[in-house]
Amino acid sequence: MLGGSLAAASLPVAHALIPHEGLHGQGAASASEHGSNGAAPGHAGAAHRGLVGSVDPAVNGFDPARTVRDFDEGRTRRVGGRLVREWDLMAEDKEIEVAPGVKYAAWTYNGRVPGPTLRATEGERLRINFVNGSDHPHTVHFHGIHRDIHDGIPGVGPGNIEPGGSFTYEFDAEPFGLHLYHCHSTPLADHIAKGLYGAFIIDPRGGRPDADELVMVQNGFDTNFDRENEIYAVNTVAFAYEQQPIRVKRGELVRIYLVNMLEFDLLNSFHIHANFFDRYPTGTRLEPTDFTDTVTQGQGQRDILELRFPYTGKYMFHAHVSEFAELGWMGFFEVVD
């Protein structure tokens, strides 16, 4: 059921086709061309991967540089004195490019992977108008508290929404925190791995301190149908934030909404270089539980991370699994005054 194609022999996609010694040895072999660390001049992380070229956001119709700060607050109206917040979601079949020349037959919400980051405030009434424009049955399952008929699972309430069908999911925004949504049709692993997921934020009534807020959805792609990932990323495109570092200001509070939607691997992780962060698991409490530089997540697990950068410069972040990092899950913060 999964779809993908190797349109070009990009190094990360060769993961399952070339032994690892040859795969990761290529960076070392090129070191003599670029210097002792294998990096081309001005390209701080080139030694960590053999990717050539970049993905044009126009090809996908979404841009990781924008996704990272893109929050969809929908539209609001008053009904009987209560605020109702509403969104439209459509499932669509769409080919996307997850690394230069590497095409993937995705299933998407609103034409993008991950789907839009939906954002509401605790206590609001939420309505999600779902239309299935795909050739396959799908649902939308939200993590949170709601009635069973709005849980988005086969066999309960409307169950699977067939191609051309629609349904409006409706529930109250609770509890506050960082949540997610995804298709729950079977086979479940395939529907998630194909791209039907997104982050879902419910802010506490009193809000959180002002910050530069970032959304990072960790994901991966099985491009050769072996139920193992050949590409790893944050917000879909391999090495997107190495090629375009995320710019933040020195001393300013940075808040990261980190969600793990990686399929076919048991665990994923996030590590920041030269800094530490406060960790708020699931974001359902206002006090941090840890002050650390690495967090490990199972699938569907999420954390809010808060930190400040005391120095300017370029600071790496990546999965603390070397294979994931070398196959796309790596980037940089560029800290400026």
Protein backbone atom coordinates (compact mmCIF):
# COMPACT_ATOMS: atom_id res chain seq x y z
CA MET A 1 0.00 0.00 0.00
CA LEU A 2 2.87 2.37 0.58
CA GLY A 3 4.16 4.26 -2.41
CA GLY A 4 7.44 5.88 -3.30
CA SER A 5 9.95 6.10 -6.10
CA LEU A 6 13.65 6.65 -6.46
CA ALA A 7 13.75 9.32 -9.12
CA ALA A 8 17.42 9.99 -8.51
CA ALA A 9 20.29 8.21 -6.78
CA SER A 10 20.40 10.60 -3.82
CA LEU A 11 22.64 9.23 -1.10
CA PRO A 12 20.08 8.91 1.71
CA VAL A 13 17.71 6.86 -0.43
CA ALA A 14 20.49 4.42 -1.20
CA HIS A 15 20.16 3.33 2.44
CA ALA A 16 18.55 0.02 1.54
CA LEU A 17 20.39 -0.44 -1.74
CA ILE A 18 24.02 0.14 -0.74
CA PRO A 19 25.80 -1.33 2.30
CA HIS A 20 26.22 1.18 5.10
CA GLU A 21 29.98 1.09 4.83
CA GLY A 22 29.76 2.41 1.30
CA LEU A 23 26.90 4.75 2.10
CA HIS A 24 28.53 6.63 4.93
CA GLY A 25 32.02 6.16 3.59
CA GLN A 26 31.21 8.39 0.66
CA GLY A 27 31.35 11.46 2.88
CA ALA A 28 34.85 10.48 4.02
CA ALA A 29 35.91 9.82 0.46
CA SER A 30 34.92 13.33 -0.52
CA ALA A 31 36.84 14.91 2.35
CA SER A 32 39.93 15.40 0.25
CA GLU A 33 37.85 17.46 -2.17
CA HIS A 34 36.32 19.73 0.47
CA GLY A 35 38.71 19.83 3.38
CA SER A 36 39.55 17.75 6.41
CA ASN A 37 35.95 17.57 7.68
CA GLY A 38 34.40 16.75 4.32
CA ALA A 39 32.36 19.94 4.25
CA ALA A 40 32.18 22.23 1.30
CA PRO A 41 33.17 25.81 2.13
CA GLY A 42 30.35 27.59 3.94
CA HIS A 43 28.32 24.38 4.41
CA ALA A 44 28.69 23.51 8.07
CA GLY A 45 27.05 20.09 8.06
CA ALA A 46 27.97 18.67 4.67
CA ALA A 47 30.21 16.02 6.23
CA HIS A 48 27.16 14.47 7.83
CA ARG A 49 25.40 13.60 4.60
CA GLY A 50 25.93 13.14 0.89
CA LEU A 51 22.82 14.95 -0.27
CA VAL A 52 23.19 16.87 -3.51
CA GLY A 53 20.84 19.69 -4.45
CA SER A 54 17.72 20.90 -2.71
CA VAL A 55 13.94 20.52 -2.88
CA ASP A 56 12.05 23.40 -4.49
CA PRO A 57 9.08 24.21 -2.19
CA ALA A 58 7.02 25.01 -5.27
CA VAL A 59 7.23 21.33 -6.22
CA ASN A 60 5.55 20.26 -2.98
CA GLY A 61 3.32 23.26 -2.45
CA PHE A 62 4.60 23.63 1.12
CA ASP A 63 7.88 24.90 2.53
CA PRO A 64 9.52 23.58 5.74
CA ALA A 65 10.90 27.08 6.31
CA ARG A 66 7.27 28.26 6.66
CA THR A 67 5.82 25.09 8.20
CA VAL A 68 8.03 25.53 11.26
CA ARG A 69 6.21 28.76 12.20
CA ASP A 70 2.82 28.12 10.58
CA PHE A 71 -0.13 27.92 13.02
CA ASP A 72 -3.67 27.53 11.67
CA GLU A 73 -6.18 29.15 14.04
CA GLY A 74 -9.10 28.44 11.71
CA ARG A 75 -12.09 30.78 11.77
CA THR A 76 -14.26 31.69 14.74
CA ARG A 77 -17.86 32.72 15.41
CA ARG A 78 -20.17 33.05 18.38
CA VAL A 79 -22.93 30.45 18.73
CA GLY A 80 -25.23 30.91 21.71
CA GLY A 81 -22.63 33.05 23.43
CA ARG A 82 -19.89 30.45 23.00
CA LEU A 83 -16.84 30.70 20.77
CA VAL A 84 -16.77 28.04 18.06
CA ARG A 85 -13.52 27.48 16.17
CA GLU A 86 -13.72 25.74 12.81
CA TRP A 87 -11.40 24.27 10.17
CA ASP A 88 -11.72 22.48 6.84
CA LEU A 89 -9.53 19.41 6.27
CA MET A 90 -9.35 17.45 3.05
CA ALA A 91 -7.54 14.18 2.46
CA GLU A 92 -5.76 14.17 -0.90
CA ASP A 93 -3.44 11.80 -2.74
CA LYS A 94 -0.35 13.74 -3.76
CA GLU A 95 3.20 13.04 -4.90
CA ILE A 96 5.73 14.98 -2.83
CA GLU A 97 9.51 15.29 -2.89
CA VAL A 98 11.14 14.29 0.42
CA ALA A 99 14.76 14.71 -0.72
CA PRO A 100 16.25 16.06 -3.97
CA GLY A 101 14.88 13.88 -6.76
CA VAL A 102 13.17 11.48 -4.35
CA LYS A 103 9.43 11.37 -5.00
CA TYR A 104 6.95 9.83 -2.59
CA ALA A 105 3.29 8.96 -3.23
CA ALA A 106 1.83 10.55 -0.10
CA TRP A 107 -1.61 10.85 1.40
CA THR A 108 -2.04 14.36 2.76
CA TYR A 109 -4.30 16.64 4.76
CA ASN A 110 -4.80 19.88 2.79
CA GLY A 111 -2.05 18.94 0.35
CA ARG A 112 0.83 19.00 2.83
CA VAL A 113 2.86 16.75 5.13
CA PRO A 114 2.56 17.25 8.00
CA GLY A 115 -0.98 18.59 7.82
CA PRO A 116 -1.72 22.10 9.12
CA THR A 117 -0.92 22.80 12.78
CA LEU A 118 -4.36 23.40 14.26
CA ARG A 119 -4.42 25.80 17.20
CA ALA A 120 -7.20 26.54 19.68
CA THR A 121 -7.71 27.72 23.27
CA GLU A 122 -8.87 25.58 26.16
CA GLY A 123 -12.66 25.46 26.51
CA GLU A 124 -13.59 26.44 22.96
CA ARG A 125 -15.96 24.35 20.87
CA LEU A 126 -14.09 22.87 17.90
CA ARG A 127 -15.48 21.77 14.55
CA ILE A 128 -13.40 20.08 11.87
CA ASN A 129 -15.17 19.68 8.53
CA PHE A 130 -13.48 16.69 6.89
CA VAL A 131 -13.83 15.86 3.21
CA ASN A 132 -12.21 12.76 1.76
CA GLY A 133 -10.84 13.70 -1.65
CA SER A 134 -8.58 10.64 -1.72
CA ASP A 135 -9.11 7.38 -3.58
CA HIS A 136 -9.00 5.53 -0.25
CA PRO A 137 -11.13 5.54 2.92
CA HIS A 138 -9.78 7.78 5.69
CA THR A 139 -10.65 9.33 9.04
CA VAL A 140 -9.34 12.05 11.35
CA HIS A 141 -8.54 10.88 14.89
CA PHE A 142 -7.73 13.61 17.42
CA HIS A 143 -5.82 13.03 20.62
CA GLY A 144 -7.80 14.62 23.43
CA ILE A 145 -11.08 14.12 25.31
CA HIS A 146 -14.31 13.70 23.33
CA ARG A 147 -17.28 11.42 22.63
CA ASP A 148 -16.74 8.13 20.80
CA ILE A 149 -18.67 9.14 17.69
CA HIS A 150 -16.10 11.89 17.06
CA ASP A 151 -13.07 9.68 17.69
CA GLY A 152 -12.38 8.98 14.02
CA ILE A 153 -11.98 5.20 14.14
CA PRO A 154 -13.50 2.51 11.89
CA GLY A 155 -16.69 0.90 13.19
CA VAL A 156 -17.67 3.67 15.63
CA GLY A 157 -19.87 6.63 14.72
CA PRO A 158 -19.33 7.48 11.06
CA GLY A 159 -16.34 5.11 10.93
CA ASN A 160 -14.32 5.25 7.74
CA ILE A 161 -15.17 8.17 5.50
CA GLU A 162 -15.29 6.74 1.99
CA PRO A 163 -13.89 8.57 -1.05
CA GLY A 164 -16.08 11.56 -1.80
CA GLY A 165 -17.65 11.44 1.67
CA SER A 166 -17.52 13.97 4.49
CA PHE A 167 -18.08 14.31 8.23
CA THR A 168 -17.83 17.07 10.83
CA TYR A 169 -15.92 16.15 13.98
CA GLU A 170 -16.99 18.27 16.95
CA PHE A 171 -15.74 18.43 20.54
CA ASP A 172 -14.51 20.75 23.26
CA ALA A 173 -10.88 21.85 23.39
CA GLU A 174 -9.52 19.86 26.33
CA PRO A 175 -7.09 19.27 27.91
CA PHE A 176 -4.68 22.09 27.13
CA GLY A 177 -1.35 20.93 25.76
CA LEU A 178 0.35 19.66 22.64
CA HIS A 179 -1.62 16.97 20.85
CA LEU A 180 -1.82 15.49 17.38
CA TYR A 181 -4.26 14.18 14.83
CA HIS A 182 -3.94 11.41 12.26
CA CYS A 183 -5.88 8.99 10.10
CA HIS A 184 -6.98 5.86 11.99
CA SER A 185 -8.08 3.72 9.05
CA THR A 186 -6.49 0.30 8.67
CA PRO A 187 -3.82 -0.78 8.05
CA LEU A 188 -3.01 1.96 10.54
CA ALA A 189 0.77 1.99 10.05
CA ASP A 190 0.35 2.59 6.33
CA HIS A 191 -2.14 5.43 6.71
CA ILE A 192 0.17 7.21 9.14
CA ALA A 193 3.39 6.51 7.26
CA LYS A 194 1.88 7.90 4.06
CA GLY A 195 1.56 11.35 5.64
CA LEU A 196 -1.90 11.73 7.23
CA TYR A 197 -0.98 13.47 10.49
CA GLY A 198 -0.42 16.88 12.02
CA ALA A 199 0.12 18.77 15.27
CA PHE A 200 -2.81 20.04 17.34
CA ILE A 201 -2.21 22.69 20.01
CA ILE A 202 -4.66 23.70 22.75
CA ASP A 203 -3.38 26.76 24.60
CA PRO A 204 -4.23 27.15 28.30
CA ARG A 205 -6.85 29.81 29.03
CA GLY A 206 -4.19 32.10 30.50
CA GLY A 207 -1.81 31.49 27.62
CA ARG A 208 1.92 30.92 27.85
CA PRO A 209 4.75 33.48 28.03
CA ASP A 210 5.54 35.20 24.73
CA ALA A 211 8.07 33.24 22.70
CA ASP A 212 9.34 32.53 19.20
CA GLU A 213 7.26 29.39 18.61
CA LEU A 214 8.32 26.53 16.34
CA VAL A 215 6.57 23.34 15.24
CA MET A 216 8.73 20.28 14.62
CA VAL A 217 6.99 17.10 13.48
CA GLN A 218 9.49 14.25 13.29
CA ASN A 219 8.71 11.88 10.45
CA GLY A 220 10.21 9.38 8.01
CA PHE A 221 9.55 7.77 4.65
CA ASP A 222 9.75 4.18 3.44
CA THR A 223 10.66 4.73 -0.21
CA ASN A 224 11.22 1.09 -1.25
CA PHE A 225 8.28 -0.70 0.41
CA ASP A 226 10.31 -2.74 2.95
CA ARG A 227 8.55 -1.21 5.99
CA GLU A 228 11.78 0.47 7.03
CA ASN A 229 12.52 4.16 6.53
CA GLU A 230 15.10 5.35 4.02
CA ILE A 231 14.51 9.06 4.73
CA TYR A 232 14.22 10.78 8.12
CA ALA A 233 13.25 14.40 8.60
CA VAL A 234 11.63 17.13 10.64
CA ASN A 235 8.66 18.57 8.75
CA THR A 236 9.15 16.14 5.85
CA VAL A 237 12.09 17.36 3.74
CA ALA A 238 15.46 15.78 4.56
CA PHE A 239 18.10 18.27 5.77
CA ALA A 240 15.73 21.21 5.16
CA TYR A 241 17.00 23.06 8.23
CA GLU A 242 20.62 22.36 7.44
CA GLN A 243 20.21 24.06 4.09
CA GLN A 244 18.05 26.83 5.59
CA PRO A 245 18.85 27.13 9.31
CA ILE A 246 16.08 28.32 11.61
CA ARG A 247 16.92 31.90 12.57
CA VAL A 248 16.25 32.91 16.19
CA LYS A 249 17.33 35.85 18.35
CA ARG A 250 19.92 35.66 21.08
CA GLY A 251 18.33 35.78 24.54
CA GLU A 252 14.76 35.41 23.26
CA LEU A 253 12.58 32.59 24.58
CA VAL A 254 12.18 29.86 21.96
CA ARG A 255 9.33 27.37 22.34
CA ILE A 256 9.44 24.12 20.31
CA TYR A 257 6.34 22.00 19.84
CA LEU A 258 7.97 18.62 19.20
CA VAL A 259 5.84 15.71 17.95
CA ASN A 260 7.05 12.24 16.95
CA MET A 261 5.05 10.74 14.07
CA LEU A 262 7.79 8.38 12.89
CA GLU A 263 6.43 5.02 11.76
CA PHE A 264 8.42 1.74 11.45
CA ASP A 265 10.90 2.75 14.21
CA LEU A 266 10.14 2.34 17.89
CA LEU A 267 11.78 5.54 19.13
CA ASN A 268 12.93 8.94 17.96
CA SER A 269 14.85 11.68 19.72
CA PHE A 270 15.82 15.34 19.70
CA HIS A 271 19.21 16.68 20.78
CA ILE A 272 20.34 20.30 20.87
CA HIS A 273 24.04 21.22 20.76
CA ALA A 274 25.67 23.63 23.21
CA ASN A 275 22.47 24.33 25.14
CA PHE A 276 19.80 22.89 27.45
CA PHE A 277 16.00 23.21 27.44
CA ASP A 278 13.07 22.96 29.85
CA ARG A 279 10.85 20.02 28.98
CA TYR A 280 7.05 19.98 29.41
CA PRO A 281 5.81 16.45 28.53
CA THR A 282 2.61 16.69 26.44
CA GLY A 283 2.41 20.34 27.54
CA THR A 284 -0.43 19.52 29.95
CA ARG A 285 1.33 21.05 32.95
CA LEU A 286 2.81 24.54 33.27
CA GLU A 287 5.89 23.43 35.20
CA PRO A 288 8.81 21.71 33.45
CA THR A 289 9.86 18.22 34.52
CA ASP A 290 13.41 18.24 33.14
CA PHE A 291 16.27 20.54 32.25
CA THR A 292 18.24 18.61 29.64
CA ASP A 293 19.62 18.61 26.11
CA THR A 294 18.08 15.37 24.78
CA VAL A 295 14.57 13.94 24.78
CA THR A 296 13.45 10.51 23.53
CA GLN A 297 9.91 9.91 22.27
CA GLY A 298 7.82 6.94 21.25
CA GLN A 299 5.43 7.34 18.34
CA GLY A 300 2.66 9.79 19.13
CA GLN A 301 4.58 11.18 22.08
CA ARG A 302 5.16 14.92 22.22
CA ASP A 303 6.86 17.56 24.33
CA ILE A 304 7.02 21.32 24.58
CA LEU A 305 10.63 22.48 24.88
CA GLU A 306 11.68 25.97 25.96
CA LEU A 307 15.15 27.48 25.77
CA ARG A 308 17.15 30.64 25.20
CA PHE A 309 20.39 30.93 23.25
CA PRO A 310 22.98 32.98 25.16
CA TYR A 311 25.41 33.26 22.24
CA THR A 312 25.17 34.05 18.56
CA GLY A 313 26.31 31.47 16.01
CA LYS A 314 25.13 28.24 14.38
CA TYR A 315 23.93 25.44 16.66
CA MET A 316 23.09 21.96 15.43
CA PHE A 317 20.03 19.93 16.41
CA HIS A 318 19.35 16.37 15.32
CA ALA A 319 18.11 12.92 16.25
CA HIS A 320 20.48 11.27 18.70
CA VAL A 321 20.47 8.16 16.53
CA SER A 322 23.32 8.55 14.06
CA GLU A 323 21.52 6.72 11.28
CA PHE A 324 18.48 9.02 11.48
CA ALA A 325 20.70 12.11 11.46
CA GLU A 326 22.75 10.92 8.50
CA LEU A 327 19.59 10.11 6.52
CA GLY A 328 18.01 13.54 6.90
CA TRP A 329 17.02 14.32 10.50
CA MET A 330 19.42 17.16 11.18
CA GLY A 331 19.40 20.94 11.10
CA PHE A 332 20.77 24.16 12.58
CA PHE A 333 19.63 27.16 14.54
CA GLU A 334 21.21 30.40 13.42
CA VAL A 335 21.29 32.73 16.43
CA VAL A 336 21.52 36.44 15.68
CA ASP A 337 21.34 39.68 17.65
